[in-house]
């Protein structure tokens, strides 16, 4: 029973790098396999990233159609999310 709960939690928590990389403001134009890239960059500092890496590859592969659409439909001149409007007196 405990083994099933641990496995379920591991599966739910895996792919966090993919989810993090696809949140608003964190998705640059050229972000193919962004979760996998994030895991690879943090491998020396994070033990959980070794466990997360295969799941991120699968999740990023599933996100590939969205990333491709995002790549072709995002203007080149957008580098950061728009700033909120200032109060005009």
N, C-alpha and C. Protein backbone atom coordinates (compact mmCIF):
# COMPACT_ATOMS: atom_id res chain seq x y z
N UNK A 1 0.83 -1.20 0.00
CA UNK A 1 0.00 0.00 0.00
C UNK A 1 0.87 1.26 0.00
N UNK A 2 1.87 1.26 0.89
CA UNK A 2 2.77 2.41 0.98
C UNK A 2 3.56 2.59 -0.32
N UNK A 3 3.90 1.47 -0.94
CA UNK A 3 4.63 1.51 -2.21
C UNK A 3 3.77 2.16 -3.30
N UNK A 4 2.48 1.82 -3.33
CA UNK A 4 1.57 2.40 -4.32
C UNK A 4 1.39 3.90 -4.11
N UNK A 5 1.30 4.31 -2.86
CA UNK A 5 1.16 5.74 -2.56
C UNK A 5 2.42 6.49 -2.96
N UNK A 6 3.59 5.93 -2.65
CA UNK A 6 4.85 6.57 -3.04
C UNK A 6 5.00 6.67 -4.54
N UNK A 7 4.62 5.61 -5.26
CA UNK A 7 4.70 5.62 -6.71
C UNK A 7 3.73 6.63 -7.32
N UNK A 8 2.53 6.71 -6.75
CA UNK A 8 1.55 7.69 -7.23
C UNK A 8 2.04 9.11 -7.00
N UNK A 9 2.58 9.39 -5.84
CA UNK A 9 3.12 10.73 -5.56
C UNK A 9 4.28 11.07 -6.49
N UNK A 10 5.14 10.11 -6.73
CA UNK A 10 6.27 10.34 -7.63
C UNK A 10 5.79 10.66 -9.03
N UNK A 11 4.77 9.96 -9.50
CA UNK A 11 4.25 10.22 -10.85
C UNK A 11 3.55 11.57 -10.93
N UNK A 12 2.86 11.96 -9.84
CA UNK A 12 2.19 13.26 -9.85
C UNK A 12 3.17 14.42 -9.79
N UNK A 13 4.26 14.24 -9.06
CA UNK A 13 5.23 15.32 -8.89
C UNK A 13 6.22 15.40 -10.05
N UNK A 14 6.37 14.34 -10.80
CA UNK A 14 7.31 14.34 -11.91
C UNK A 14 6.76 15.18 -13.05
N UNK A 15 7.64 15.75 -13.82
CA UNK A 15 7.24 16.63 -14.89
C UNK A 15 7.09 18.06 -14.42
N UNK A 16 7.50 18.34 -13.19
CA UNK A 16 7.37 19.69 -12.65
C UNK A 16 8.16 20.70 -13.47
N UNK A 17 9.30 20.31 -14.00
CA UNK A 17 10.09 21.24 -14.80
C UNK A 17 9.34 21.64 -16.07
N UNK A 18 8.64 20.71 -16.66
CA UNK A 18 7.85 21.01 -17.85
C UNK A 18 6.72 21.96 -17.51
N UNK A 19 6.05 21.70 -16.41
CA UNK A 19 4.95 22.58 -15.99
C UNK A 19 5.48 23.96 -15.66
N UNK A 20 6.59 24.03 -14.94
CA UNK A 20 7.19 25.31 -14.58
C UNK A 20 7.61 26.09 -15.82
N UNK A 21 8.16 25.41 -16.79
CA UNK A 21 8.65 26.11 -17.98
C UNK A 21 7.53 26.57 -18.90
N UNK A 22 6.32 26.06 -18.70
CA UNK A 22 5.20 26.46 -19.56
C UNK A 22 4.20 27.37 -18.86
N UNK A 23 4.56 27.93 -17.71
CA UNK A 23 3.68 28.87 -17.05
C UNK A 23 3.82 30.24 -17.70
N UNK A 24 2.86 31.11 -17.46
CA UNK A 24 2.84 32.43 -18.08
C UNK A 24 4.11 33.20 -17.70
N UNK A 25 4.76 33.76 -18.69
CA UNK A 25 5.95 34.57 -18.47
C UNK A 25 7.24 33.78 -18.49
N UNK A 26 7.15 32.46 -18.41
CA UNK A 26 8.36 31.63 -18.42
C UNK A 26 8.54 30.89 -19.73
N UNK A 27 7.75 31.19 -20.72
CA UNK A 27 7.78 30.44 -21.97
C UNK A 27 8.34 31.31 -23.09
N UNK A 28 9.66 31.37 -23.22
CA UNK A 28 10.23 32.16 -24.31
C UNK A 28 9.90 31.55 -25.66
N UNK A 29 10.15 32.30 -26.72
CA UNK A 29 9.75 31.85 -28.04
C UNK A 29 10.39 30.53 -28.42
N UNK A 30 11.66 30.38 -28.24
CA UNK A 30 12.34 29.13 -28.61
C UNK A 30 12.48 28.26 -27.37
N UNK A 31 11.41 27.56 -27.02
CA UNK A 31 11.42 26.80 -25.78
C UNK A 31 11.08 25.33 -26.02
N UNK A 32 11.62 24.76 -27.09
CA UNK A 32 11.39 23.34 -27.32
C UNK A 32 12.13 22.54 -26.25
N UNK A 33 11.45 21.59 -25.66
CA UNK A 33 11.99 20.75 -24.58
C UNK A 33 12.53 21.61 -23.43
N UNK A 34 11.76 22.62 -23.04
CA UNK A 34 12.19 23.55 -22.00
C UNK A 34 12.30 22.87 -20.63
N UNK A 35 11.39 21.96 -20.31
CA UNK A 35 11.48 21.25 -19.04
C UNK A 35 12.70 20.37 -18.96
N UNK A 36 13.02 19.71 -20.06
CA UNK A 36 14.21 18.87 -20.11
C UNK A 36 15.46 19.72 -19.98
N UNK A 37 15.47 20.88 -20.65
CA UNK A 37 16.61 21.79 -20.53
C UNK A 37 16.78 22.26 -19.09
N UNK A 38 15.68 22.57 -18.44
CA UNK A 38 15.73 23.01 -17.04
C UNK A 38 16.28 21.91 -16.14
N UNK A 39 15.83 20.69 -16.35
CA UNK A 39 16.36 19.56 -15.57
C UNK A 39 17.85 19.37 -15.79
N UNK A 40 18.29 19.43 -17.03
CA UNK A 40 19.71 19.21 -17.33
C UNK A 40 20.57 20.30 -16.69
N UNK A 41 20.09 21.54 -16.69
CA UNK A 41 20.86 22.63 -16.09
C UNK A 41 20.94 22.53 -14.57
N UNK A 42 19.95 21.88 -13.95
CA UNK A 42 19.95 21.79 -12.49
C UNK A 42 20.39 20.42 -11.98
N UNK A 43 20.83 19.53 -12.86
CA UNK A 43 21.25 18.19 -12.44
C UNK A 43 22.31 18.18 -11.33
N UNK A 44 23.35 19.02 -11.40
CA UNK A 44 24.37 18.96 -10.35
C UNK A 44 23.85 19.36 -8.96
N UNK A 45 22.78 20.15 -8.91
CA UNK A 45 22.29 20.68 -7.64
C UNK A 45 21.07 19.95 -7.10
N UNK A 46 20.45 19.10 -7.89
CA UNK A 46 19.14 18.57 -7.52
C UNK A 46 19.09 17.06 -7.76
N UNK A 47 18.93 16.30 -6.68
CA UNK A 47 18.82 14.85 -6.82
C UNK A 47 17.51 14.46 -7.49
N UNK A 48 16.44 15.18 -7.19
CA UNK A 48 15.14 14.88 -7.77
C UNK A 48 15.09 15.10 -9.27
N UNK A 49 16.00 15.93 -9.78
CA UNK A 49 16.02 16.18 -11.22
C UNK A 49 16.42 14.93 -12.00
N UNK A 50 17.24 14.08 -11.39
CA UNK A 50 17.60 12.81 -12.06
C UNK A 50 16.36 11.94 -12.22
N UNK A 51 15.49 11.95 -11.23
CA UNK A 51 14.26 11.17 -11.30
C UNK A 51 13.24 11.82 -12.23
N UNK A 52 13.26 13.14 -12.29
CA UNK A 52 12.29 13.89 -13.07
C UNK A 52 12.63 13.90 -14.57
N UNK A 53 13.89 13.72 -14.91
CA UNK A 53 14.34 13.88 -16.30
C UNK A 53 13.58 13.01 -17.29
N UNK A 54 13.41 11.71 -17.07
CA UNK A 54 12.67 10.91 -18.06
C UNK A 54 11.22 11.36 -18.22
N UNK A 55 10.60 11.76 -17.11
CA UNK A 55 9.21 12.22 -17.19
C UNK A 55 9.12 13.57 -17.91
N UNK A 56 10.12 14.42 -17.72
CA UNK A 56 10.14 15.70 -18.42
C UNK A 56 10.30 15.50 -19.93
N UNK A 57 11.10 14.52 -20.31
CA UNK A 57 11.27 14.23 -21.75
C UNK A 57 9.93 13.81 -22.34
N UNK A 58 9.20 12.95 -21.64
CA UNK A 58 7.89 12.50 -22.13
C UNK A 58 6.91 13.66 -22.16
N UNK A 59 6.85 14.45 -21.09
CA UNK A 59 5.92 15.58 -21.02
C UNK A 59 6.26 16.62 -22.08
N UNK A 60 7.54 16.89 -22.29
CA UNK A 60 7.94 17.86 -23.33
C UNK A 60 7.60 17.35 -24.72
N UNK A 61 7.71 16.06 -24.93
CA UNK A 61 7.33 15.49 -26.22
C UNK A 61 5.83 15.65 -26.45
N UNK A 62 5.03 15.47 -25.40
CA UNK A 62 3.59 15.68 -25.53
C UNK A 62 3.26 17.16 -25.76
N UNK A 63 4.09 18.06 -25.24
CA UNK A 63 3.87 19.50 -25.41
C UNK A 63 4.44 20.04 -26.72
N UNK A 64 5.12 19.20 -27.49
CA UNK A 64 5.77 19.65 -28.71
C UNK A 64 4.82 20.31 -29.71
N UNK A 65 3.61 19.79 -29.94
CA UNK A 65 2.70 20.51 -30.86
C UNK A 65 2.37 21.92 -30.38
N UNK A 66 2.14 22.10 -29.06
CA UNK A 66 1.88 23.43 -28.52
C UNK A 66 3.10 24.33 -28.68
N UNK A 67 4.29 23.80 -28.37
CA UNK A 67 5.50 24.60 -28.49
C UNK A 67 5.75 25.03 -29.93
N UNK A 68 5.45 24.14 -30.87
CA UNK A 68 5.62 24.48 -32.29
C UNK A 68 4.64 25.58 -32.68
N UNK A 69 3.37 25.45 -32.25
CA UNK A 69 2.39 26.48 -32.55
C UNK A 69 2.83 27.80 -31.92
N UNK A 70 3.28 27.76 -30.69
CA UNK A 70 3.72 28.97 -29.99
C UNK A 70 4.90 29.62 -30.70
N UNK A 71 5.81 28.80 -31.22
CA UNK A 71 6.99 29.31 -31.92
C UNK A 71 6.59 30.10 -33.17
N UNK A 72 5.64 29.59 -33.93
CA UNK A 72 5.26 30.23 -35.19
C UNK A 72 4.23 31.34 -35.02
N UNK A 73 3.58 31.44 -33.87
CA UNK A 73 2.55 32.46 -33.68
C UNK A 73 2.93 33.53 -32.66
N UNK A 74 4.18 33.56 -32.21
CA UNK A 74 4.64 34.59 -31.28
C UNK A 74 5.52 35.57 -32.06
N UNK A 75 5.23 36.86 -31.97
CA UNK A 75 6.07 37.83 -32.68
C UNK A 75 7.51 37.80 -32.19
N UNK A 76 8.43 38.15 -33.08
CA UNK A 76 9.85 38.13 -32.74
C UNK A 76 10.25 39.20 -31.74
N UNK A 77 9.53 40.31 -31.71
CA UNK A 77 9.95 41.43 -30.87
C UNK A 77 9.48 41.32 -29.42
N UNK A 78 8.77 40.27 -29.05
CA UNK A 78 8.34 40.11 -27.66
C UNK A 78 9.39 39.31 -26.93
N UNK A 79 10.06 39.96 -25.97
CA UNK A 79 11.07 39.26 -25.19
C UNK A 79 10.65 39.10 -23.74
N UNK A 80 9.78 39.98 -23.26
CA UNK A 80 9.31 39.91 -21.88
C UNK A 80 7.80 40.13 -21.87
N UNK A 81 7.13 39.67 -20.84
CA UNK A 81 5.69 39.93 -20.75
C UNK A 81 5.43 41.42 -20.61
N UNK A 82 4.29 41.89 -21.11
CA UNK A 82 4.00 43.33 -21.02
C UNK A 82 3.93 43.80 -19.58
N UNK A 83 4.37 45.03 -19.37
CA UNK A 83 4.33 45.63 -18.03
C UNK A 83 2.93 46.18 -17.78
N UNK A 84 2.51 46.18 -16.52
CA UNK A 84 1.19 46.74 -16.22
C UNK A 84 1.18 48.26 -16.47
N UNK A 85 0.01 48.75 -16.83
CA UNK A 85 -0.14 50.17 -17.12
C UNK A 85 0.10 51.00 -15.85
N UNK A 86 0.74 52.15 -16.03
CA UNK A 86 0.97 53.06 -14.90
C UNK A 86 -0.27 53.90 -14.65
N UNK A 87 -0.44 54.31 -13.42
CA UNK A 87 -1.58 55.17 -13.08
C UNK A 87 -1.35 56.57 -13.64
N UNK A 88 -2.32 57.07 -14.37
CA UNK A 88 -2.23 58.40 -14.94
C UNK A 88 -3.11 59.33 -14.12
N UNK A 89 -2.52 60.48 -13.69
CA UNK A 89 -3.28 61.43 -12.87
C UNK A 89 -3.82 62.53 -13.71
